[in-house]
Protein backbone atom coordinates (compact mmCIF):
# COMPACT_ATOMS: atom_id res chain seq x y z
CA MET A 1 0.02 0.03 0.00
CA TYR A 2 2.75 2.43 0.99
CA LEU A 3 4.67 1.55 -2.18
CA ASN A 4 1.61 2.38 -4.38
CA GLN A 5 1.07 5.73 -2.59
CA PHE A 6 4.80 6.53 -2.98
CA CYS A 7 4.71 5.64 -6.64
CA PHE A 8 1.53 7.79 -7.22
CA LYS A 9 3.19 10.89 -5.57
CA THR A 10 6.35 10.49 -7.58
CA HIS A 11 4.30 10.12 -10.75
CA GLN A 12 2.55 13.38 -10.05
CA LEU A 13 5.74 15.26 -9.22
CA PHE A 14 8.32 13.86 -11.65
CA GLY A 15 6.37 12.13 -14.38
CA SER A 16 5.95 8.55 -15.55
CA SER A 17 9.63 7.93 -16.40
CA PHE A 18 10.88 8.53 -12.90
CA HIS A 19 7.94 6.61 -11.46
CA LYS A 20 9.04 3.45 -13.47
CA LYS A 21 12.56 3.73 -12.22
CA VAL A 22 11.41 3.81 -8.61
CA GLU A 23 9.18 0.78 -9.14
CA VAL A 24 12.18 -1.14 -10.59
CA ILE A 25 14.36 -0.21 -7.59
CA PHE A 26 11.80 -1.43 -5.06
CA MET A 27 11.27 -4.60 -7.04
CA TYR A 28 14.97 -5.50 -6.92
CA LYS A 29 15.04 -4.78 -3.17
CA LYS A 30 12.22 -7.22 -2.57
CA ILE A 31 13.97 -9.86 -4.68
CA PHE A 32 17.24 -9.39 -2.77
CA LYS A 33 15.57 -9.63 0.59
CA PHE A 34 13.80 -12.83 -0.48
CA ARG A 35 16.99 -14.40 -1.78
CA LEU A 36 18.89 -13.45 1.40
CA VAL A 37 16.23 -15.04 3.61
CA LEU A 38 16.22 -18.13 1.41
CA LEU A 39 20.01 -18.39 1.61
CA VAL A 40 19.99 -18.20 5.41
CA LEU A 41 17.29 -20.94 5.62
CA VAL A 42 19.33 -23.20 3.27
CA CYS A 43 22.48 -22.75 5.45
CA ILE A 44 20.50 -23.63 8.61
CA ILE A 45 19.13 -26.76 7.00
CA ILE A 46 22.49 -27.93 5.68
CA GLY A 47 24.16 -27.23 9.00
CA GLY A 48 21.56 -29.28 10.88
CA ILE A 49 21.99 -32.20 8.43
CA LEU A 50 25.84 -32.14 8.90
CA ILE A 51 25.56 -32.07 12.73
CA GLY A 52 23.06 -34.90 12.69
CA CYS A 53 25.24 -37.05 10.49
CA GLN A 54 28.31 -36.40 12.65
CA ALA A 55 26.34 -37.33 15.84
CA ASP A 56 25.11 -40.54 14.21
CA SER A 57 28.58 -41.62 13.01
CA THR A 58 30.59 -40.85 16.11
CA GLY A 59 28.30 -41.03 19.13
CA PRO A 60 29.12 -39.37 22.47
CA ALA A 61 32.50 -37.63 22.84
CA ASP A 62 33.93 -40.26 25.13
CA GLN A 63 33.05 -43.04 22.65
CA THR A 64 34.70 -41.02 19.83
CA GLU A 65 37.94 -40.76 21.83
CA ASP A 66 37.92 -44.46 22.62
CA ALA A 67 37.27 -45.34 18.97
CA ILE A 68 40.19 -43.17 17.89
CA VAL A 69 42.46 -44.87 20.51
CA GLU A 70 41.50 -48.32 19.37
CA ASP A 71 41.89 -47.45 15.70
CA GLU A 72 45.48 -46.41 16.14
CA GLU A 73 48.09 -48.88 14.98
CA PHE A 74 49.35 -50.85 18.00
CA PRO A 75 52.06 -51.38 18.77
CA ALA A 76 53.72 -48.62 16.83
CA ARG A 77 56.99 -48.49 18.89
CA PRO A 78 59.03 -50.74 21.24
CA ILE A 79 57.39 -52.06 24.39
CA ARG A 80 59.05 -51.81 27.73
CA VAL A 81 58.97 -54.81 30.08
CA ILE A 82 59.84 -53.97 33.70
CA VAL A 83 61.46 -56.98 35.39
CA HIS A 84 61.35 -57.22 39.14
CA THR A 85 64.69 -59.09 39.46
CA PRO A 86 68.26 -58.05 38.70
CA ALA A 87 69.89 -59.00 35.39
CA GLY A 88 70.65 -62.68 35.52
CA GLY A 89 67.87 -63.43 37.98
CA GLY A 90 65.36 -66.17 37.35
CA ALA A 91 62.60 -63.95 36.00
CA ASP A 92 65.06 -61.94 33.94
CA THR A 93 66.39 -65.16 32.38
CA ASN A 94 62.93 -66.38 31.57
CA MET A 95 62.01 -63.14 29.88
CA ARG A 96 65.14 -63.25 27.76
CA TYR A 97 64.35 -66.80 26.67
CA LEU A 98 60.94 -65.75 25.50
CA GLN A 99 62.00 -62.31 24.12
CA PRO A 100 62.70 -63.16 20.46
CA TYR A 101 59.49 -65.18 20.10
CA LEU A 102 57.40 -62.43 21.76
CA GLU A 103 59.03 -59.76 19.49
CA LYS A 104 57.98 -61.88 16.46
CA GLU A 105 54.38 -61.83 17.68
CA LEU A 106 54.37 -58.11 18.54
CA GLY A 107 56.21 -56.94 15.50
CA VAL A 108 58.30 -54.50 17.58
CA PRO A 109 61.33 -54.78 19.86
CA ILE A 110 61.10 -55.51 23.62
CA MET A 111 63.11 -53.39 25.97
CA ILE A 112 63.85 -55.18 29.28
CA ASP A 113 64.11 -52.79 32.17
CA ASN A 114 65.42 -54.46 35.36
CA ARG A 115 64.05 -52.75 38.48
CA PRO A 116 64.75 -54.95 41.57
CA GLY A 117 64.18 -53.71 45.09
CA ALA A 118 61.59 -53.49 47.90
CA ALA A 119 61.48 -57.32 48.17
CA SER A 120 60.55 -57.64 44.47
CA MET A 121 57.78 -55.07 44.79
CA MET A 122 59.50 -52.21 43.04
CA GLY A 123 59.00 -53.53 39.51
CA PRO A 124 55.25 -54.18 39.84
CA LYS A 125 54.75 -50.91 41.66
CA LEU A 126 56.33 -49.02 38.69
CA VAL A 127 54.11 -50.92 36.31
CA SER A 128 50.98 -50.05 38.30
CA GLU A 129 51.92 -46.38 38.14
CA SER A 130 52.74 -46.26 34.42
CA ASP A 131 50.50 -45.20 31.55
CA GLY A 132 47.97 -47.82 30.61
CA ASP A 133 48.47 -47.48 26.84
CA GLY A 134 50.12 -50.90 26.52
CA TYR A 135 53.66 -49.65 25.96
CA THR A 136 54.73 -50.50 29.53
CA ILE A 137 54.12 -53.88 31.08
CA GLY A 138 56.08 -55.95 33.51
CA MET A 139 56.92 -59.20 35.23
CA GLY A 140 55.87 -60.14 38.70
CA GLY A 141 56.57 -63.06 40.99
CA SER A 142 54.22 -65.19 43.11
CA PRO A 143 53.94 -65.42 46.03
CA HIS A 144 56.34 -62.60 47.02
CA ASN A 145 54.09 -59.98 45.35
CA GLU A 146 51.02 -61.25 47.11
CA VAL A 147 52.87 -61.31 50.40
CA GLY A 148 54.28 -57.81 49.73
CA LEU A 149 50.75 -56.49 49.23
CA LEU A 150 49.76 -57.96 52.60
CA THR A 151 52.78 -56.75 54.60
CA MET A 152 54.10 -53.61 52.97
CA GLU A 153 52.62 -50.15 52.89
CA GLY A 154 52.86 -47.63 50.06
CA MET A 155 52.99 -50.15 47.26
CA PHE A 156 49.78 -50.61 45.25
CA GLU A 157 46.43 -52.31 45.45
CA PRO A 158 45.55 -55.56 43.61
CA ASP A 159 43.04 -53.69 41.54
CA ASP A 160 45.71 -51.34 40.29
CA ILE A 161 47.07 -54.06 38.01
CA CYS A 162 45.72 -56.67 35.59
CA MET A 163 47.16 -59.95 34.50
CA LEU A 164 48.21 -60.85 30.99
CA ALA A 165 49.69 -64.37 31.47
CA GLY A 166 51.34 -66.82 33.88
CA LEU A 167 54.66 -68.00 32.49
CA THR A 168 56.48 -70.51 34.78
CA ARG A 169 56.16 -72.71 37.84
CA ASP A 170 59.42 -73.35 39.66
CA ALA A 171 59.63 -75.74 42.62
CA ALA A 172 62.06 -74.87 45.45
CA VAL A 173 65.03 -76.87 46.53
CA ILE A 174 67.26 -76.86 49.58
CA GLN A 175 70.84 -76.81 48.26
CA VAL A 176 74.34 -76.56 49.68
CA ARG A 177 77.86 -76.28 48.21
CA ASP A 178 79.19 -79.49 46.76
CA ASP A 179 81.94 -79.53 49.44
CA ALA A 180 79.48 -79.05 52.36
CA PRO A 181 79.69 -81.60 55.22
CA TRP A 182 76.00 -82.66 54.76
CA ASP A 183 74.78 -85.13 52.14
CA THR A 184 71.20 -85.36 53.31
CA LEU A 185 68.59 -83.04 54.81
CA GLU A 186 68.64 -85.16 57.96
CA GLU A 187 72.31 -84.60 58.49
CA PHE A 188 71.88 -80.86 57.98
CA ILE A 189 69.11 -80.71 60.55
CA GLU A 190 71.11 -82.67 63.08
CA ASP A 191 74.03 -80.32 62.79
CA ALA A 192 71.80 -77.24 62.98
CA LYS A 193 70.22 -78.49 66.25
CA ASN A 194 73.70 -78.52 67.77
CA ARG A 195 74.61 -75.00 66.45
CA PRO A 196 71.54 -72.79 66.80
CA GLY A 197 71.87 -69.52 64.89
CA GLU A 198 75.28 -70.36 63.43
CA ILE A 199 74.34 -71.76 60.00
CA THR A 200 73.70 -68.98 57.52
CA ALA A 201 70.90 -69.43 54.98
CA SER A 202 70.27 -67.28 51.94
CA VAL A 203 67.02 -66.34 50.28
CA GLY A 204 66.11 -63.87 47.46
CA THR A 205 63.52 -61.95 49.34
CA ALA A 206 61.97 -61.98 52.77
CA THR A 207 58.44 -62.00 51.31
CA GLY A 208 58.59 -65.18 49.22
CA ASP A 209 58.22 -68.92 49.53
CA ASN A 210 61.95 -69.41 49.99
CA TYR A 211 61.94 -67.42 53.20
CA LEU A 212 58.71 -69.12 54.30
CA GLY A 213 60.15 -72.48 53.48
CA PHE A 214 63.14 -71.99 55.82
CA ARG A 215 60.83 -70.66 58.53
CA LEU A 216 58.63 -73.79 58.24
CA ILE A 217 61.68 -76.04 58.32
CA GLU A 218 62.95 -74.26 61.46
CA GLU A 219 59.55 -74.80 63.15
CA ALA A 220 59.14 -78.41 62.14
CA ALA A 221 62.72 -79.41 62.85
CA GLY A 222 63.23 -77.37 65.96
CA ILE A 223 66.25 -75.49 64.60
CA ASP A 224 67.34 -71.89 64.39
CA LEU A 225 68.94 -70.60 61.12
CA ASN A 226 70.51 -67.20 60.44
CA ILE A 227 68.40 -66.30 57.41
CA VAL A 228 69.70 -63.56 55.15
CA SER A 229 67.76 -61.86 52.34
CA PHE A 230 69.86 -60.81 49.35
CA GLY A 231 67.30 -58.70 47.48
CA GLY A 232 67.12 -61.14 44.54
CA GLY A 233 67.34 -64.82 43.80
CA SER A 234 70.52 -64.59 41.74
CA PRO A 235 72.62 -62.82 44.48
CA ALA A 236 71.33 -65.32 47.01
CA ARG A 237 72.41 -68.27 44.93
CA LEU A 238 75.76 -66.72 44.08
CA ALA A 239 76.33 -66.16 47.80
CA LEU A 240 76.07 -69.92 48.25
CA ALA A 241 78.35 -70.67 45.22
CA GLY A 242 80.88 -68.18 46.61
CA GLY A 243 80.93 -69.75 50.07
CA HIS A 244 79.40 -66.69 51.79
CA VAL A 245 76.46 -68.67 53.18
CA ASP A 246 76.00 -72.34 54.13
CA VAL A 247 72.59 -73.24 52.61
CA ASN A 248 70.17 -71.79 50.07
CA HIS A 249 66.44 -72.20 49.49
CA ALA A 250 65.79 -71.31 45.88
CA SER A 251 63.91 -72.16 42.72
CA LEU A 252 65.05 -75.36 41.06
CA PHE A 253 65.39 -74.15 37.43
CA SER A 254 66.70 -70.77 38.37
CA SER A 255 69.55 -72.51 40.21
CA GLN A 256 70.88 -74.33 37.18
CA HIS A 257 73.65 -71.78 36.68
CA ILE A 258 75.31 -73.09 39.90
CA ALA A 259 74.46 -76.75 39.28
CA ASP A 260 78.16 -77.71 39.00
CA SER A 261 79.02 -76.37 42.41
CA ARG A 262 76.11 -77.43 44.48
CA LYS A 263 74.24 -80.49 45.76
CA VAL A 264 70.54 -80.67 46.42
CA LEU A 265 69.43 -82.09 49.79
CA ALA A 266 65.65 -82.02 49.18
CA VAL A 267 62.90 -80.59 47.01
CA HIS A 268 60.25 -78.44 48.70
CA TRP A 269 57.41 -79.89 46.71
CA GLU A 270 54.88 -82.65 47.23
CA GLU A 271 56.66 -84.93 44.79
CA ASN A 272 60.10 -85.05 43.15
CA ASN A 273 59.24 -84.79 39.40
CA TRP A 274 62.73 -83.66 38.39
CA LYS A 275 64.92 -86.61 39.29
CA GLU A 276 66.79 -86.32 35.94
CA ILE A 277 67.93 -82.86 37.04
CA ILE A 278 68.44 -82.98 40.85
CA GLY A 279 68.71 -86.68 41.49
CA ASP A 280 66.57 -88.97 43.64
CA VAL A 281 66.37 -86.65 46.61
CA PRO A 282 63.39 -86.71 49.06
CA THR A 283 60.80 -84.07 49.47
CA VAL A 284 60.88 -81.88 52.54
CA ALA A 285 57.59 -83.38 53.71
CA GLU A 286 59.07 -86.91 53.61
CA VAL A 287 61.83 -85.80 55.99
CA LEU A 288 59.64 -83.55 58.08
CA PRO A 289 56.04 -84.99 58.05
CA GLY A 290 53.39 -82.45 59.00
CA ILE A 291 55.36 -79.46 57.81
CA GLY A 292 52.98 -76.58 57.31
CA LYS A 293 53.35 -76.27 53.52
CA GLU A 294 54.41 -79.05 51.22
CA ASN A 295 54.76 -76.93 48.15
CA CYS A 296 57.13 -73.96 48.04
CA GLY A 297 58.05 -72.33 44.75
CA THR A 298 57.68 -69.38 42.43
CA ILE A 299 55.49 -68.42 39.55
CA ASP A 300 56.51 -65.74 37.06
CA PHE A 301 53.66 -63.82 35.49
CA ILE A 302 53.08 -60.79 33.27
CA LEU A 303 51.09 -57.83 34.57
CA ALA A 304 50.07 -54.41 33.26
CA PRO A 305 48.40 -51.25 34.67
CA ALA A 306 44.64 -51.82 35.23
CA GLU A 307 43.93 -48.91 32.86
CA LEU A 308 45.10 -51.05 29.91
CA LYS A 309 42.22 -53.48 30.31
CA GLU A 310 39.69 -50.75 31.13
CA LYS A 311 40.53 -48.11 28.51
CA TYR A 312 42.30 -50.12 25.81
CA PRO A 313 40.57 -53.52 25.76
CA ALA A 314 41.69 -54.31 22.21
CA ARG A 315 45.34 -53.70 23.13
CA TYR A 316 44.92 -55.76 26.31
CA GLN A 317 43.52 -58.69 24.33
CA PHE A 318 46.23 -58.36 21.68
CA LEU A 319 49.05 -58.51 24.27
CA ALA A 320 47.50 -61.45 26.08
CA GLU A 321 47.12 -63.37 22.90
CA ALA A 322 50.66 -62.49 21.81
CA PHE A 323 52.08 -64.03 24.97
CA GLU A 324 49.97 -67.16 24.44
CA ARG A 325 51.17 -67.56 20.86
CA ALA A 326 54.80 -66.94 21.77
CA ILE A 327 54.86 -69.46 24.61
CA ASN A 328 53.08 -72.09 22.54
CA ASN A 329 55.35 -71.51 19.55
CA PRO A 330 56.72 -74.96 18.63
CA GLU A 331 60.21 -73.53 18.09
CA PHE A 332 60.23 -72.02 21.62
CA GLN A 333 58.98 -75.36 23.11
CA ASN A 334 61.73 -77.21 21.30
CA GLU A 335 64.31 -74.78 22.63
CA LEU A 336 62.97 -75.32 26.19
CA GLY A 337 63.24 -79.04 25.74
CA GLU A 338 66.87 -78.69 24.57
CA LEU A 339 67.64 -76.57 27.62
CA GLY A 340 65.86 -78.99 29.97
CA ARG A 341 63.36 -76.32 30.92
CA ASP A 342 60.21 -77.72 29.30
CA LYS A 343 58.87 -78.78 32.70
CA HIS A 344 59.55 -75.28 34.06
CA TRP A 345 57.18 -73.39 31.81
CA ASN A 346 53.57 -73.60 32.90
CA TYR A 347 51.37 -71.22 30.75
CA MET A 348 48.21 -69.70 32.35
CA ASN A 349 45.98 -67.35 30.45
CA HIS A 350 45.00 -63.97 31.85
CA GLU A 351 41.88 -65.24 33.56
CA GLU A 352 43.60 -68.24 35.20
CA MET A 353 46.45 -66.04 36.40
CA THR A 354 44.07 -63.48 37.81
CA ASN A 355 42.19 -66.10 39.79
CA TYR A 356 45.41 -67.63 41.03
CA PHE A 357 46.70 -64.27 42.16
CA TYR A 358 43.63 -63.33 44.17
CA ASP A 359 43.31 -66.86 45.71
CA ASN A 360 46.93 -66.67 46.71
CA ILE A 361 46.42 -63.36 48.53
CA GLU A 362 43.80 -65.01 50.68
CA SER A 363 45.76 -68.19 51.31
CA TYR A 364 48.90 -66.35 52.49
CA ARG A 365 46.95 -64.43 55.15
CA GLY A 366 47.43 -67.59 57.24
CA PHE A 367 51.21 -67.33 56.99
CA LEU A 368 51.65 -63.65 57.72
CA HIS A 369 53.04 -64.23 61.24
CA TYR A 370 56.11 -65.91 59.72
CA PHE A 371 56.87 -62.78 57.78
CA GLN A 372 55.95 -60.23 60.45
CA GLU A 373 59.29 -60.25 62.29
CA GLU A 374 61.20 -59.62 59.11
CA VAL A 375 58.80 -56.89 58.01
CA GLU A 376 59.10 -55.03 61.34
CA GLU A 377 62.88 -55.30 61.31
CA ARG A 378 62.97 -53.82 57.78
CA GLU A 379 60.67 -50.98 58.76
CA ASN A 380 62.86 -50.12 61.74
């Protein structure tokens, strides 16, 4: 209406020519406004479609992040394995046996990082505190890690770690130097009764089955030994070989490096299944019936930060399966047979090792009083 009135006035004042020009100008303005509104509406519609497509394809932000993590190539760089024993220790030796076969399965190098200390708890503690992206895993030892969790403060909680595999099962032996005056466990016990506190005995840690084994023998036989912890199985065995201690309680297969300079008095297991290696020696239970624990030994296992299983489940599964394939590799099994270690390796998958670990924590609560004196002395 206003446009018509305006055009009528201009027609009266300026004539028909100017009137037509004004009408054209207003017509183009209306067309421009219409196109501008239409363009804005189109942009809004297209933006909404794009946002909707993105939401459908990616989901919530946290799922998007996880999807990106799992889609990354893994492993893309070397993997660090923290070992809880010194170089040359039993666990270290076992990992180095497995290393080339594991590297073949992973497709990247393995970097072994020896971190002994704190009664074999330092290595697992470092693993529990590391990033859970799969590039840092470690070795642990049972039962000293379970006992350490029960007796030591400031370490970590069982739920801070997750299990990838169980590797070995190593029965314990009581061994002395080959020039020692005792040829049997009975002779050793008889001499120890006459010399309380004089016979020195070495163990790797004061939170493991070797220490517990000596304490149980003391109790069952009525003897008193001077038990010394060397902070690792290898130093404890070398102390025996070097004549610095009189007797050693240690893992059977881990002791093979001193086999030429020692003699075994007994095996701390329910049955001697290794006569071809240690001879026809008795079990500790046969010499001391009623001893509180027939089986003493060590299990090596592979652990990782709990975050690996929670945040990177695909990587966790990949690593667990890589260990299984490496251990069951026929070439590796043949090598173990040639080394006489085929009875040493006892693979457990991640679920079996997890159950064993938690069951062991509960079972060792009944033996804590044997460790308490050593723990209190270390704290003081």
